[in-house]
Protein backbone atom coordinates (compact mmCIF):
# COMPACT_ATOMS: atom_id res chain seq x y z
CA UNK A 1 26.33 -1.22 33.29
CA UNK A 2 23.84 0.37 30.96
CA UNK A 3 20.43 -1.21 30.47
CA UNK A 4 19.34 -1.46 26.83
CA UNK A 5 15.80 -2.23 25.69
CA UNK A 6 15.16 -3.07 22.06
CA UNK A 7 11.89 -3.09 20.18
CA UNK A 8 10.54 -3.21 16.65
CA UNK A 9 11.33 -6.71 15.44
CA UNK A 10 8.83 -8.93 13.72
CA UNK A 11 7.85 -10.74 10.56
CA UNK A 12 8.09 -8.91 7.25
CA UNK A 13 7.93 -9.94 3.62
CA UNK A 14 10.97 -9.65 1.35
CA UNK A 15 11.29 -6.08 0.12
CA UNK A 16 9.57 -4.72 3.21
CA UNK A 17 10.78 -2.41 5.94
CA UNK A 18 11.15 -2.42 9.70
CA UNK A 19 12.52 0.05 12.21
CA UNK A 20 14.28 -1.16 15.33
CA UNK A 21 14.69 1.02 18.40
CA UNK A 22 17.02 0.68 21.35
CA UNK A 23 16.64 2.86 24.43
CA UNK A 24 19.39 3.14 27.03
CA UNK A 25 19.22 3.92 30.73
CA UNK A 26 21.34 6.58 32.38
CA UNK A 27 22.45 10.08 31.57
CA UNK A 28 25.64 9.66 29.55
CA UNK A 29 24.16 8.17 26.39
CA UNK A 30 25.86 10.74 24.21
CA UNK A 31 29.27 9.34 25.17
CA UNK A 32 28.50 5.86 23.85
CA UNK A 33 29.23 4.37 20.51
CA UNK A 34 25.95 2.63 19.71
CA UNK A 35 25.93 -0.42 17.52
CA UNK A 36 23.58 -2.93 16.00
CA UNK A 37 24.68 -6.52 15.60
CA UNK A 38 22.85 -9.58 14.39
CA UNK A 39 23.11 -13.32 14.75
CA UNK A 40 21.45 -15.72 12.37
CA UNK A 41 20.83 -19.35 13.32
CA UNK A 42 24.04 -21.32 13.23
CA UNK A 43 26.16 -18.25 12.53
CA UNK A 44 28.36 -15.95 14.53
CA UNK A 45 27.20 -12.55 15.67
CA UNK A 46 28.16 -9.89 13.14
CA UNK A 47 28.28 -6.13 13.06
CA UNK A 48 25.47 -4.39 11.18
CA UNK A 49 26.13 -0.72 11.92
CA UNK A 50 27.84 1.50 14.46
CA UNK A 51 27.09 5.16 15.11
CA UNK A 52 29.84 6.72 17.24
CA UNK A 53 29.45 9.50 19.76
CA UNK A 54 30.82 11.77 17.05
CA UNK A 55 31.67 11.09 13.44
CA UNK A 56 30.34 8.95 10.64
CA UNK A 57 28.26 5.84 10.92
CA UNK A 58 29.82 2.61 9.68
CA UNK A 59 27.85 -0.15 7.98
CA UNK A 60 28.48 -3.74 7.01
CA UNK A 61 28.80 -4.08 3.25
CA UNK A 62 25.79 -6.37 3.19
CA UNK A 63 23.44 -3.63 4.43
CA UNK A 64 24.90 -0.50 2.84
CA UNK A 65 22.28 1.44 0.93
CA UNK A 66 19.44 -0.46 2.60
CA UNK A 67 19.84 0.18 6.34
CA UNK A 68 20.19 3.50 8.14
CA UNK A 69 21.40 3.79 11.72
CA UNK A 70 20.72 7.01 13.61
CA UNK A 71 20.65 8.25 17.18
CA UNK A 72 18.64 10.72 19.20
CA UNK A 73 20.68 11.71 22.23
CA UNK A 74 17.76 13.63 23.74
CA UNK A 75 15.78 10.37 23.86
CA UNK A 76 18.69 8.04 24.71
CA UNK A 77 17.68 6.05 21.66
CA UNK A 78 19.35 4.55 18.62
CA UNK A 79 17.40 3.41 15.58
CA UNK A 80 17.98 1.00 12.74
CA UNK A 81 15.79 1.66 9.73
CA UNK A 82 15.83 -1.42 7.54
CA UNK A 83 14.54 -1.19 3.98
CA UNK A 84 14.50 -3.63 1.07
CA UNK A 85 14.75 -6.51 3.50
CA UNK A 86 15.97 -9.87 2.26
CA UNK A 87 15.52 -13.37 3.70
CA UNK A 88 19.22 -13.37 4.56
CA UNK A 89 18.57 -10.45 6.93
CA UNK A 90 16.68 -12.86 9.17
CA UNK A 91 18.40 -12.86 12.57
CA UNK A 92 18.21 -11.77 16.16
CA UNK A 93 19.31 -8.15 16.25
CA UNK A 94 21.19 -6.87 19.27
CA UNK A 95 21.88 -3.36 20.42
CA UNK A 96 25.28 -2.54 21.95
CA UNK A 97 26.54 0.43 23.93
CA UNK A 98 30.27 0.91 24.24
CA UNK A 99 32.56 3.48 25.83
CA UNK A 100 36.13 3.61 27.08
CA UNK A 101 35.53 6.03 29.92
CA UNK A 102 33.56 5.09 31.83
CA UNK A 103 34.16 1.50 30.74
CA UNK A 104 30.92 0.27 29.22
CA UNK A 105 30.13 -2.69 26.99
CA UNK A 106 26.44 -3.50 27.33
CA UNK A 107 24.06 -5.59 25.23
CA UNK A 108 20.33 -5.61 24.82
CA UNK A 109 18.24 -8.74 25.01
CA UNK A 110 17.83 -8.99 21.25
CA UNK A 111 14.84 -8.68 18.96
CA UNK A 112 13.97 -11.19 16.24
CA UNK A 113 13.60 -10.08 12.65
CA UNK A 114 12.18 -12.63 10.24
CA UNK A 115 12.04 -11.90 6.52
CA UNK A 116 9.84 -14.42 4.79
CA UNK A 117 6.97 -14.68 2.37
């Protein structure tokens, strides 16, 4: 499996910004669909954004226009730029790498984002 290491979480005031990063091990990063998910206390994990190996990035309706997901294949890294943060964005954010061939479905350890004044 692929090892994923996330960074960039923290405490931010409403209206603020954060950028999360997720770096993957291995040499076939470009084949993966890379996704960001989040799980708030007492809630199920939900999709935030997915950037495929090729094609358009998909976003949850709740973050459209505020979050931007991008990837740098040369650095084996996917980013989540989060702007205009709201308290309801508070959650543990997880990075996911997925591919059909080879079969990969790996998760990072999660990074906590807290939006509070």
